[in-house]
Amino acid sequence: MDKFALLALLEAKPGKETEVEEFLKSAEPMAGQEPGTTTWYAVKLGPNRFGIFDTFRDEAGREAHLNGEIAKALMANAGALLAKAPQIEKLEILASKTPKA
């Protein structure tokens, strides 16, 4: 079971909602290249609110993701796309449901 997670909350600048959505969709292949990232989700929380939720087996995987290509691209584009700095929370997974084989 994964024990570690990240939740990043993003608020798009007015008029930049579509660009934020497209940026998040374009990040999925980068997440697929991260061996320490077990699951990765980009979600729309409202008209201008978005989030990224991902899980990791260990702290090393989480730290690698925080220093990886998605984080670099997000921070490079934050000023142009986001109304404020991303809110990033480190989470500890207490329990989870996984599909039965």
Protein backbone atom coordinates (compact mmCIF):
# COMPACT_ATOMS: atom_id res chain seq x y z
CA MET A 1 0.00 0.00 0.00
CA ASP A 2 1.16 3.51 -0.79
CA LYS A 3 1.81 5.47 2.39
CA PHE A 4 2.58 8.93 1.01
CA ALA A 5 0.66 11.40 -1.16
CA LEU A 6 0.61 14.96 -2.43
CA LEU A 7 -2.31 17.27 -3.00
CA ALA A 8 -1.69 20.42 -5.02
CA LEU A 9 -4.52 22.94 -5.25
CA LEU A 10 -4.43 25.40 -8.14
CA GLU A 11 -6.51 28.49 -8.92
CA ALA A 12 -6.44 29.69 -12.52
CA LYS A 13 -6.22 33.36 -13.35
CA PRO A 14 -9.40 34.71 -14.96
CA GLY A 15 -9.39 33.71 -18.61
CA LYS A 16 -6.65 31.08 -18.10
CA GLU A 17 -8.89 28.17 -17.08
CA THR A 18 -8.60 26.34 -20.40
CA GLU A 19 -4.82 26.76 -20.42
CA VAL A 20 -4.51 25.33 -16.90
CA GLU A 21 -6.71 22.39 -17.90
CA GLU A 22 -4.59 21.72 -20.99
CA PHE A 23 -1.38 22.04 -18.99
CA LEU A 24 -2.61 19.42 -16.53
CA LYS A 25 -3.65 17.06 -19.31
CA SER A 26 -0.26 17.46 -20.95
CA ALA A 27 1.54 16.52 -17.71
CA GLU A 28 0.16 12.96 -17.64
CA PRO A 29 2.95 11.48 -19.82
CA MET A 30 5.55 13.06 -17.52
CA ALA A 31 3.91 11.38 -14.51
CA GLY A 32 4.09 8.08 -16.37
CA GLN A 33 7.87 8.45 -16.60
CA GLU A 34 8.31 8.76 -12.83
CA PRO A 35 9.05 5.31 -11.38
CA GLY A 36 8.33 6.46 -7.81
CA THR A 37 4.89 7.88 -8.62
CA THR A 38 2.32 5.11 -8.18
CA THR A 39 -0.84 7.02 -9.10
CA TRP A 40 -1.35 10.52 -10.52
CA TYR A 41 -4.62 12.39 -11.00
CA ALA A 42 -5.35 15.83 -12.38
CA VAL A 43 -8.84 17.03 -11.40
CA LYS A 44 -11.16 19.97 -11.96
CA LEU A 45 -12.68 21.19 -8.69
CA GLY A 46 -14.70 24.08 -10.09
CA PRO A 47 -14.72 26.65 -12.90
CA ASN A 48 -11.26 28.00 -12.01
CA ARG A 49 -10.05 25.50 -9.40
CA PHE A 50 -7.93 22.46 -10.19
CA GLY A 51 -5.93 19.90 -8.30
CA ILE A 52 -3.27 17.24 -8.62
CA PHE A 53 -3.34 14.19 -6.36
CA ASP A 54 -0.62 11.57 -6.50
CA THR A 55 0.57 8.68 -4.36
CA PHE A 56 3.93 7.12 -3.56
CA ARG A 57 5.26 4.03 -1.79
CA ASP A 58 7.94 5.98 0.03
CA GLU A 59 9.21 9.45 0.83
CA ALA A 60 11.96 9.15 -1.79
CA GLY A 61 9.35 8.79 -4.54
CA ARG A 62 7.42 11.78 -3.25
CA GLU A 63 10.55 13.94 -3.06
CA ALA A 64 11.60 12.88 -6.56
CA HIS A 65 8.19 13.97 -7.84
CA LEU A 66 8.42 17.32 -6.02
CA ASN A 67 11.73 17.91 -7.79
CA GLY A 68 10.65 16.41 -11.12
CA GLU A 69 9.57 17.71 -14.50
CA ILE A 70 5.90 18.34 -13.64
CA ALA A 71 6.80 20.50 -10.65
CA LYS A 72 9.39 22.40 -12.69
CA ALA A 73 6.90 23.03 -15.51
CA LEU A 74 4.17 24.05 -13.07
CA MET A 75 6.39 26.56 -11.29
CA ALA A 76 7.73 27.92 -14.60
CA ASN A 77 4.15 28.63 -15.75
CA ALA A 78 2.58 29.57 -12.40
CA GLY A 79 2.96 33.33 -12.85
CA ALA A 80 1.22 33.31 -16.22
CA LEU A 81 -1.54 30.80 -15.41
CA LEU A 82 -2.31 30.89 -11.70
CA ALA A 83 -4.01 33.53 -9.55
CA LYS A 84 -1.82 32.58 -6.59
CA ALA A 85 0.96 30.16 -5.73
CA PRO A 86 -0.07 26.49 -5.73
CA GLN A 87 -1.04 25.15 -2.32
CA ILE A 88 0.89 21.89 -1.91
CA GLU A 89 0.12 19.52 0.95
CA LYS A 90 2.11 16.45 1.92
CA LEU A 91 -0.33 13.75 3.00
CA GLU A 92 0.01 10.47 4.88
CA ILE A 93 -2.28 7.70 3.60
CA LEU A 94 -3.97 5.91 6.49
CA ALA A 95 -6.11 3.44 4.51
CA SER A 96 -7.07 2.74 0.93
CA LYS A 97 -9.23 0.48 -1.20
CA THR A 98 -7.58 -1.26 -4.11
CA PRO A 99 -9.19 -3.36 -6.85
CA LYS A 100 -9.25 -7.10 -6.24
CA ALA A 101 -7.27 -9.14 -8.73
